Amino acid sequence: MDNLSYLFAAYSIIFAAVALYVIFLWRRQTLLDSRLRSLETQLSEIRDGLAKS
């Protein structure tokens, strides 16, 4: 039972690393979604322009 503090520290570090990785992925996904919406808007504007021609 002497090593419980080390076990707690190890789990804390692992939990923090996983949390940071999830935040990184979440932020990257948000940026990708934003870029995709922008590209979809551009594509629809191009299609509308071609349809009017």
N, C-alpha and C. Protein backbone atom coordinates (compact mmCIF):
# COMPACT_ATOMS: atom_id res chain seq x y z
N MET A 1 0.80 -1.21 0.00
CA MET A 1 0.00 0.00 0.00
C MET A 1 0.85 1.27 0.00
N ASP A 2 2.16 1.09 0.05
CA ASP A 2 3.03 2.26 0.07
C ASP A 2 3.09 2.95 -1.28
N ASN A 3 2.79 2.23 -2.33
CA ASN A 3 2.95 2.78 -3.68
C ASN A 3 1.67 3.35 -4.26
N LEU A 4 0.64 3.55 -3.45
CA LEU A 4 -0.61 4.09 -3.97
C LEU A 4 -0.45 5.50 -4.51
N SER A 5 0.42 6.28 -3.93
CA SER A 5 0.63 7.63 -4.44
C SER A 5 1.24 7.59 -5.84
N TYR A 6 2.14 6.65 -6.09
CA TYR A 6 2.72 6.51 -7.43
C TYR A 6 1.67 6.03 -8.44
N LEU A 7 0.83 5.12 -8.01
CA LEU A 7 -0.24 4.64 -8.87
C LEU A 7 -1.21 5.77 -9.21
N PHE A 8 -1.57 6.56 -8.21
CA PHE A 8 -2.45 7.71 -8.43
C PHE A 8 -1.80 8.71 -9.38
N ALA A 9 -0.52 8.97 -9.21
CA ALA A 9 0.19 9.90 -10.07
C ALA A 9 0.24 9.38 -11.51
N ALA A 10 0.50 8.10 -11.66
CA ALA A 10 0.55 7.52 -13.00
C ALA A 10 -0.80 7.61 -13.70
N TYR A 11 -1.86 7.26 -12.99
CA TYR A 11 -3.20 7.35 -13.59
C TYR A 11 -3.57 8.80 -13.89
N SER A 12 -3.16 9.71 -13.05
CA SER A 12 -3.44 11.13 -13.30
C SER A 12 -2.75 11.61 -14.57
N ILE A 13 -1.50 11.21 -14.75
CA ILE A 13 -0.76 11.61 -15.94
C ILE A 13 -1.39 11.00 -17.19
N ILE A 14 -1.77 9.74 -17.11
CA ILE A 14 -2.40 9.09 -18.26
C ILE A 14 -3.74 9.74 -18.58
N PHE A 15 -4.54 10.03 -17.55
CA PHE A 15 -5.83 10.68 -17.76
C PHE A 15 -5.64 12.05 -18.39
N ALA A 16 -4.67 12.81 -17.92
CA ALA A 16 -4.41 14.14 -18.48
C ALA A 16 -3.97 14.04 -19.94
N ALA A 17 -3.13 13.06 -20.26
CA ALA A 17 -2.68 12.89 -21.64
C ALA A 17 -3.84 12.52 -22.55
N VAL A 18 -4.70 11.63 -22.10
CA VAL A 18 -5.86 11.23 -22.91
C VAL A 18 -6.81 12.42 -23.08
N ALA A 19 -7.02 13.18 -22.03
CA ALA A 19 -7.89 14.36 -22.11
C ALA A 19 -7.33 15.38 -23.10
N LEU A 20 -6.04 15.63 -23.06
CA LEU A 20 -5.43 16.57 -24.00
C LEU A 20 -5.54 16.07 -25.44
N TYR A 21 -5.38 14.78 -25.64
CA TYR A 21 -5.51 14.21 -26.97
C TYR A 21 -6.94 14.35 -27.50
N VAL A 22 -7.91 14.11 -26.64
CA VAL A 22 -9.32 14.26 -27.04
C VAL A 22 -9.62 15.72 -27.38
N ILE A 23 -9.10 16.64 -26.61
CA ILE A 23 -9.31 18.06 -26.90
C ILE A 23 -8.66 18.43 -28.23
N PHE A 24 -7.45 17.90 -28.47
CA PHE A 24 -6.77 18.14 -29.74
C PHE A 24 -7.61 17.63 -30.91
N LEU A 25 -8.13 16.41 -30.80
CA LEU A 25 -8.95 15.84 -31.87
C LEU A 25 -10.25 16.62 -32.05
N TRP A 26 -10.85 17.05 -30.95
CA TRP A 26 -12.10 17.80 -31.02
C TRP A 26 -11.89 19.12 -31.75
N ARG A 27 -10.79 19.81 -31.43
CA ARG A 27 -10.50 21.08 -32.08
C ARG A 27 -10.21 20.88 -33.56
N ARG A 28 -9.45 19.85 -33.89
CA ARG A 28 -9.15 19.56 -35.28
C ARG A 28 -10.41 19.22 -36.06
N GLN A 29 -11.31 18.45 -35.45
CA GLN A 29 -12.57 18.10 -36.10
C GLN A 29 -13.43 19.35 -36.34
N THR A 30 -13.43 20.27 -35.39
CA THR A 30 -14.18 21.51 -35.55
C THR A 30 -13.64 22.32 -36.72
N LEU A 31 -12.32 22.41 -36.83
CA LEU A 31 -11.72 23.14 -37.95
C LEU A 31 -12.02 22.46 -39.28
N LEU A 32 -11.99 21.14 -39.31
CA LEU A 32 -12.31 20.41 -40.54
C LEU A 32 -13.78 20.61 -40.93
N ASP A 33 -14.68 20.59 -39.96
CA ASP A 33 -16.09 20.83 -40.24
C ASP A 33 -16.31 22.22 -40.81
N SER A 34 -15.62 23.20 -40.26
CA SER A 34 -15.73 24.57 -40.74
C SER A 34 -15.24 24.68 -42.18
N ARG A 35 -14.10 24.06 -42.45
CA ARG A 35 -13.55 24.08 -43.81
C ARG A 35 -14.47 23.37 -44.79
N LEU A 36 -15.05 22.26 -44.37
CA LEU A 36 -15.97 21.52 -45.23
C LEU A 36 -17.21 22.35 -45.55
N ARG A 37 -17.77 23.03 -44.56
CA ARG A 37 -18.92 23.90 -44.82
C ARG A 37 -18.56 25.01 -45.80
N SER A 38 -17.37 25.56 -45.67
CA SER A 38 -16.93 26.60 -46.58
C SER A 38 -16.81 26.07 -48.01
N LEU A 39 -16.24 24.89 -48.16
CA LEU A 39 -16.11 24.29 -49.49
C LEU A 39 -17.47 23.94 -50.08
N GLU A 40 -18.40 23.47 -49.25
CA GLU A 40 -19.75 23.17 -49.73
C GLU A 40 -20.45 24.44 -50.21
N THR A 41 -20.25 25.54 -49.51
CA THR A 41 -20.84 26.81 -49.92
C THR A 41 -20.25 27.27 -51.25
N GLN A 42 -18.94 27.16 -51.39
CA GLN A 42 -18.30 27.53 -52.65
C GLN A 42 -18.80 26.66 -53.80
N LEU A 43 -18.93 25.38 -53.55
CA LEU A 43 -19.41 24.46 -54.58
C LEU A 43 -20.84 24.79 -55.00
N SER A 44 -21.69 25.08 -54.04
CA SER A 44 -23.08 25.43 -54.40
C SER A 44 -23.14 26.74 -55.17
N GLU A 45 -22.26 27.70 -54.85
CA GLU A 45 -22.23 28.96 -55.61
C GLU A 45 -21.76 28.71 -57.04
N ILE A 46 -20.79 27.82 -57.22
CA ILE A 46 -20.32 27.49 -58.57
C ILE A 46 -21.41 26.79 -59.35
N ARG A 47 -22.11 25.86 -58.70
CA ARG A 47 -23.20 25.15 -59.39
C ARG A 47 -24.32 26.11 -59.77
N ASP A 48 -24.65 27.04 -58.88
CA ASP A 48 -25.69 28.03 -59.20
C ASP A 48 -25.25 28.92 -60.36
N GLY A 49 -23.99 29.28 -60.40
CA GLY A 49 -23.48 30.10 -61.49
C GLY A 49 -23.51 29.36 -62.82
N LEU A 50 -23.19 28.07 -62.80
CA LEU A 50 -23.23 27.28 -64.02
C LEU A 50 -24.67 27.03 -64.48
N ALA A 51 -25.58 26.89 -63.54
CA ALA A 51 -26.98 26.64 -63.89
C ALA A 51 -27.60 27.87 -64.53
N LYS A 52 -27.19 29.04 -64.14
CA LYS A 52 -27.73 30.29 -64.68
C LYS A 52 -27.16 30.60 -66.05
N SER A 53 -26.00 30.03 -66.37
CA SER A 53 -25.35 30.31 -67.66
C SER A 53 -26.00 29.60 -68.80
